[in-house]
Amino acid sequence: MGKPTVCAVAAAAFLLAGCTSSTPRNAEGGMEGVVERVRSDALSLRVGEDMIRVDTWAVCGDETARYISVGDQLTVFGHRDVITYDATRILDSNGEPVCRD
């Protein structure tokens, strides 16, 4: 097996840099930020200077875009995975859970 290429190493560093121990958290441990991109089962959340890729499937299934829009202010709880932050709970700006009918 060969050595990792510069591009592969750079890509891995970029993906892992999103959610760090210095990413701001609120008193309950959630990340508060503004949605910058929405996909069916994920979103990109601007938290301070960080851009976090949040996997929303466990909370919203494949319906994230039905409940969340670009510009929404959210608080996300969960845990860091290899390249994403896996959400276990998402609250809107009023503290209400999203992705619920």
N, C-alpha and C. Protein backbone atom coordinates (compact mmCIF):
# COMPACT_ATOMS: atom_id res chain seq x y z
N MET A 1 0.85 -1.18 0.00
CA MET A 1 0.00 0.00 0.00
C MET A 1 0.89 1.24 0.00
N GLY A 2 0.57 2.21 -0.83
CA GLY A 2 1.39 3.40 -0.98
C GLY A 2 1.13 4.43 0.10
N LYS A 3 1.92 5.48 0.06
CA LYS A 3 1.77 6.58 1.01
C LYS A 3 0.55 7.42 0.62
N PRO A 4 -0.10 8.06 1.62
CA PRO A 4 -1.23 8.93 1.29
C PRO A 4 -0.76 10.11 0.44
N THR A 5 -1.57 10.50 -0.50
CA THR A 5 -1.22 11.63 -1.34
C THR A 5 -1.46 12.93 -0.57
N VAL A 6 -0.86 13.99 -1.05
CA VAL A 6 -1.04 15.30 -0.43
C VAL A 6 -2.51 15.69 -0.44
N CYS A 7 -3.20 15.41 -1.55
CA CYS A 7 -4.62 15.76 -1.65
C CYS A 7 -5.45 14.99 -0.62
N ALA A 8 -5.17 13.70 -0.44
CA ALA A 8 -5.93 12.90 0.52
C ALA A 8 -5.69 13.40 1.94
N VAL A 9 -4.47 13.72 2.27
CA VAL A 9 -4.15 14.24 3.60
C VAL A 9 -4.82 15.59 3.82
N ALA A 10 -4.78 16.46 2.83
CA ALA A 10 -5.41 17.78 2.94
C ALA A 10 -6.92 17.65 3.09
N ALA A 11 -7.53 16.74 2.33
CA ALA A 11 -8.98 16.54 2.40
C ALA A 11 -9.38 16.03 3.79
N ALA A 12 -8.64 15.09 4.33
CA ALA A 12 -8.94 14.56 5.65
C ALA A 12 -8.81 15.65 6.71
N ALA A 13 -7.79 16.46 6.63
CA ALA A 13 -7.61 17.55 7.59
C ALA A 13 -8.76 18.54 7.51
N PHE A 14 -9.21 18.86 6.31
CA PHE A 14 -10.32 19.78 6.12
C PHE A 14 -11.60 19.22 6.74
N LEU A 15 -11.89 17.95 6.49
CA LEU A 15 -13.11 17.34 7.00
C LEU A 15 -13.11 17.26 8.52
N LEU A 16 -11.98 16.97 9.10
CA LEU A 16 -11.90 16.82 10.54
C LEU A 16 -11.80 18.15 11.28
N ALA A 17 -11.46 19.21 10.58
CA ALA A 17 -11.25 20.51 11.23
C ALA A 17 -12.54 21.19 11.64
N GLY A 18 -13.69 20.77 11.10
CA GLY A 18 -14.94 21.46 11.35
C GLY A 18 -15.34 21.55 12.81
N CYS A 19 -15.33 20.45 13.51
CA CYS A 19 -15.79 20.43 14.90
C CYS A 19 -14.61 20.11 15.80
N THR A 20 -14.14 21.11 16.49
CA THR A 20 -12.96 20.94 17.35
C THR A 20 -13.35 21.18 18.79
N SER A 21 -12.44 20.92 19.68
CA SER A 21 -12.70 21.16 21.10
C SER A 21 -12.88 22.64 21.39
N SER A 22 -12.46 23.51 20.48
CA SER A 22 -12.61 24.95 20.69
C SER A 22 -13.90 25.49 20.07
N THR A 23 -14.71 24.63 19.42
CA THR A 23 -15.98 25.07 18.86
C THR A 23 -16.87 25.52 20.02
N PRO A 24 -17.43 26.75 19.94
CA PRO A 24 -18.23 27.27 21.05
C PRO A 24 -19.45 26.40 21.35
N ARG A 25 -19.72 26.22 22.64
CA ARG A 25 -20.88 25.44 23.10
C ARG A 25 -21.63 26.26 24.15
N ASN A 26 -22.94 26.02 24.25
CA ASN A 26 -23.71 26.71 25.28
C ASN A 26 -23.59 25.96 26.60
N ALA A 27 -24.26 26.44 27.65
CA ALA A 27 -24.15 25.86 28.98
C ALA A 27 -24.59 24.39 29.03
N GLU A 28 -25.50 23.99 28.13
CA GLU A 28 -25.99 22.61 28.10
C GLU A 28 -25.14 21.72 27.19
N GLY A 29 -24.13 22.29 26.54
CA GLY A 29 -23.26 21.51 25.67
C GLY A 29 -23.65 21.51 24.20
N GLY A 30 -24.69 22.26 23.85
CA GLY A 30 -25.13 22.33 22.46
C GLY A 30 -24.34 23.37 21.67
N MET A 31 -24.31 23.18 20.37
CA MET A 31 -23.68 24.15 19.48
C MET A 31 -24.77 25.04 18.89
N GLU A 32 -24.63 26.34 19.07
CA GLU A 32 -25.60 27.30 18.56
C GLU A 32 -25.03 27.95 17.31
N GLY A 33 -25.83 27.96 16.24
CA GLY A 33 -25.34 28.56 15.01
C GLY A 33 -26.43 28.82 14.01
N VAL A 34 -26.00 29.26 12.82
CA VAL A 34 -26.90 29.61 11.74
C VAL A 34 -26.70 28.61 10.60
N VAL A 35 -27.81 28.11 10.07
CA VAL A 35 -27.78 27.15 8.98
C VAL A 35 -27.32 27.84 7.70
N GLU A 36 -26.30 27.28 7.04
CA GLU A 36 -25.81 27.85 5.79
C GLU A 36 -26.11 26.97 4.58
N ARG A 37 -26.42 25.68 4.82
CA ARG A 37 -26.74 24.76 3.72
C ARG A 37 -27.59 23.63 4.29
N VAL A 38 -28.57 23.17 3.50
CA VAL A 38 -29.44 22.08 3.93
C VAL A 38 -29.50 21.03 2.84
N ARG A 39 -29.37 19.76 3.25
CA ARG A 39 -29.57 18.62 2.35
C ARG A 39 -30.65 17.72 2.98
N SER A 40 -31.00 16.63 2.34
CA SER A 40 -32.08 15.78 2.84
C SER A 40 -31.79 15.23 4.23
N ASP A 41 -30.54 14.87 4.51
CA ASP A 41 -30.22 14.26 5.80
C ASP A 41 -29.03 14.91 6.50
N ALA A 42 -28.76 16.16 6.16
CA ALA A 42 -27.62 16.86 6.77
C ALA A 42 -27.77 18.36 6.59
N LEU A 43 -26.94 19.10 7.32
CA LEU A 43 -26.91 20.55 7.15
C LEU A 43 -25.52 21.05 7.52
N SER A 44 -25.22 22.25 7.08
CA SER A 44 -23.99 22.93 7.46
C SER A 44 -24.37 24.06 8.39
N LEU A 45 -23.73 24.09 9.56
CA LEU A 45 -24.05 25.06 10.60
C LEU A 45 -22.82 25.93 10.88
N ARG A 46 -22.98 27.25 10.78
CA ARG A 46 -21.91 28.19 11.11
C ARG A 46 -21.97 28.43 12.62
N VAL A 47 -20.92 28.00 13.32
CA VAL A 47 -20.81 28.17 14.77
C VAL A 47 -19.57 28.99 15.04
N GLY A 48 -19.74 30.26 15.34
CA GLY A 48 -18.59 31.14 15.50
C GLY A 48 -17.81 31.18 14.20
N GLU A 49 -16.55 30.85 14.24
CA GLU A 49 -15.70 30.83 13.05
C GLU A 49 -15.70 29.47 12.35
N ASP A 50 -16.35 28.48 12.97
CA ASP A 50 -16.34 27.11 12.44
C ASP A 50 -17.55 26.84 11.57
N MET A 51 -17.37 26.00 10.56
CA MET A 51 -18.47 25.47 9.75
C MET A 51 -18.56 23.99 10.09
N ILE A 52 -19.69 23.56 10.64
CA ILE A 52 -19.87 22.20 11.09
C ILE A 52 -20.83 21.47 10.16
N ARG A 53 -20.44 20.31 9.68
CA ARG A 53 -21.34 19.46 8.90
C ARG A 53 -22.07 18.57 9.89
N VAL A 54 -23.39 18.73 9.96
CA VAL A 54 -24.21 18.01 10.92
C VAL A 54 -25.02 16.95 10.20
N ASP A 55 -24.87 15.70 10.62
CA ASP A 55 -25.68 14.60 10.10
C ASP A 55 -26.98 14.62 10.90
N THR A 56 -28.10 14.89 10.23
CA THR A 56 -29.39 15.05 10.89
C THR A 56 -30.29 13.83 10.76
N TRP A 57 -29.81 12.77 10.15
CA TRP A 57 -30.67 11.63 9.85
C TRP A 57 -31.35 11.05 11.09
N ALA A 58 -30.66 10.94 12.21
CA ALA A 58 -31.24 10.35 13.42
C ALA A 58 -32.40 11.19 13.97
N VAL A 59 -32.44 12.47 13.63
CA VAL A 59 -33.48 13.37 14.13
C VAL A 59 -34.56 13.62 13.08
N CYS A 60 -34.14 13.84 11.83
CA CYS A 60 -35.06 14.24 10.77
C CYS A 60 -35.25 13.20 9.67
N GLY A 61 -34.52 12.10 9.72
CA GLY A 61 -34.57 11.14 8.61
C GLY A 61 -34.09 11.83 7.35
N ASP A 62 -34.78 11.59 6.25
CA ASP A 62 -34.44 12.23 4.98
C ASP A 62 -35.29 13.46 4.72
N GLU A 63 -35.85 14.05 5.76
CA GLU A 63 -36.77 15.19 5.63
C GLU A 63 -36.22 16.50 6.19
N THR A 64 -34.92 16.63 6.34
CA THR A 64 -34.33 17.82 6.96
C THR A 64 -34.81 19.11 6.27
N ALA A 65 -34.78 19.14 4.95
CA ALA A 65 -35.15 20.35 4.21
C ALA A 65 -36.63 20.70 4.39
N ARG A 66 -37.43 19.77 4.82
CA ARG A 66 -38.85 20.04 5.08
C ARG A 66 -39.03 20.91 6.33
N TYR A 67 -38.11 20.79 7.28
CA TYR A 67 -38.24 21.46 8.57
C TYR A 67 -37.23 22.58 8.82
N ILE A 68 -36.10 22.54 8.12
CA ILE A 68 -35.01 23.48 8.38
C ILE A 68 -34.65 24.22 7.11
N SER A 69 -34.40 25.53 7.22
CA SER A 69 -34.06 26.36 6.07
C SER A 69 -32.75 27.10 6.30
N VAL A 70 -32.12 27.50 5.20
CA VAL A 70 -30.93 28.35 5.29
C VAL A 70 -31.31 29.61 6.06
N GLY A 71 -30.46 30.00 7.01
CA GLY A 71 -30.71 31.19 7.82
C GLY A 71 -31.33 30.89 9.16
N ASP A 72 -31.85 29.68 9.36
CA ASP A 72 -32.43 29.31 10.66
C ASP A 72 -31.35 29.32 11.74
N GLN A 73 -31.72 29.80 12.92
CA GLN A 73 -30.85 29.77 14.09
C GLN A 73 -31.19 28.50 14.86
N LEU A 74 -30.20 27.60 15.04
CA LEU A 74 -30.44 26.32 15.70
C LEU A 74 -29.45 26.06 16.82
N THR A 75 -29.86 25.19 17.73
CA THR A 75 -28.97 24.62 18.72
C THR A 75 -28.96 23.12 18.48
N VAL A 76 -27.77 22.56 18.28
CA VAL A 76 -27.63 21.14 17.94
C VAL A 76 -26.89 20.42 19.05
N PHE A 77 -27.43 19.28 19.46
CA PHE A 77 -26.79 18.41 20.45
C PHE A 77 -26.47 17.09 19.77
N GLY A 78 -25.40 16.46 20.17
CA GLY A 78 -25.02 15.18 19.59
C GLY A 78 -23.60 14.83 19.94
N HIS A 79 -22.94 14.15 19.01
CA HIS A 79 -21.55 13.75 19.23
C HIS A 79 -20.78 13.79 17.92
N ARG A 80 -19.50 13.96 18.05
CA ARG A 80 -18.62 14.04 16.89
C ARG A 80 -18.36 12.64 16.35
N ASP A 81 -18.52 12.49 15.06
CA ASP A 81 -18.18 11.26 14.36
C ASP A 81 -16.88 11.54 13.62
N VAL A 82 -16.46 10.66 12.77
CA VAL A 82 -15.19 10.84 12.06
C VAL A 82 -15.17 12.13 11.25
N ILE A 83 -16.17 12.34 10.38
CA ILE A 83 -16.15 13.54 9.54
C ILE A 83 -17.37 14.43 9.72
N THR A 84 -18.30 14.05 10.60
CA THR A 84 -19.49 14.86 10.83
C THR A 84 -19.78 14.96 12.32
N TYR A 85 -20.77 15.77 12.62
CA TYR A 85 -21.31 15.86 13.97
C TYR A 85 -22.68 15.21 13.89
N ASP A 86 -22.88 14.09 14.56
CA ASP A 86 -24.15 13.37 14.50
C ASP A 86 -25.13 13.96 15.51
N ALA A 87 -26.21 14.55 14.99
CA ALA A 87 -27.20 15.19 15.85
C ALA A 87 -28.08 14.16 16.54
N THR A 88 -28.35 14.39 17.82
CA THR A 88 -29.30 13.58 18.56
C THR A 88 -30.52 14.41 18.96
N ARG A 89 -30.36 15.74 18.91
CA ARG A 89 -31.45 16.67 19.22
C ARG A 89 -31.15 17.99 18.55
N ILE A 90 -32.18 18.61 17.95
CA ILE A 90 -32.03 19.91 17.29
C ILE A 90 -33.17 20.80 17.77
N LEU A 91 -32.80 22.00 18.26
CA LEU A 91 -33.80 22.95 18.74
C LEU A 91 -33.79 24.20 17.88
N ASP A 92 -34.99 24.80 17.69
CA ASP A 92 -35.06 26.05 16.94
C ASP A 92 -34.73 27.23 17.87
N SER A 93 -34.86 28.44 17.37
CA SER A 93 -34.48 29.63 18.15
C SER A 93 -35.36 29.85 19.38
N ASN A 94 -36.53 29.19 19.42
CA ASN A 94 -37.42 29.28 20.59
C ASN A 94 -37.19 28.13 21.56
N GLY A 95 -36.23 27.26 21.27
CA GLY A 95 -35.96 26.13 22.15
C GLY A 95 -36.87 24.94 21.90
N GLU A 96 -37.61 24.97 20.79
CA GLU A 96 -38.52 23.88 20.45
C GLU A 96 -37.83 22.87 19.54
N PRO A 97 -38.12 21.58 19.71
CA PRO A 97 -37.52 20.57 18.82
C PRO A 97 -37.98 20.76 17.37
N VAL A 98 -37.08 20.55 16.43
CA VAL A 98 -37.42 20.59 15.02
C VAL A 98 -37.57 19.17 14.50
N CYS A 99 -38.07 19.05 13.29
CA CYS A 99 -38.27 17.76 12.63
C CYS A 99 -39.30 16.90 13.34
N ARG A 100 -40.32 17.55 13.85
CA ARG A 100 -41.42 16.83 14.50
C ARG A 100 -42.73 17.40 13.95
N ASP A 101 -43.65 16.52 13.67
CA ASP A 101 -44.98 16.98 13.23
C ASP A 101 -45.91 17.14 14.42
